[in-house]
């Protein structure tokens, strides 16, 4: 991580409120304990963004695996299937 800040857990604990505020406007901070990296602290918004990015990467990996395995459909097949399901729902509503 470029421009990463590394601080001791003690330093973080001594000014936790201040660090929480600063984290709203800066990259994550690495906390050390006994000279070793032990945790990463970041804003909730940064955590949400990283979770969204991870979810998207997982979807892309799954899609790539599907393509590699030949589990694909043409555009025409997708739209025909969607139209058939829509027609089924409309018919079901008319009956019920």
Foldseek 3Di string as FASTA:
>chain_A
DPPEAEEEPVVCVVPVVVVQVVLVPDPWHFYDDPRHGDDIDHHPVVVVVVVVVVVVVVVVVVVVVCVVVVVDDDPVVVVVVVVVVVVVVVVVVVVD
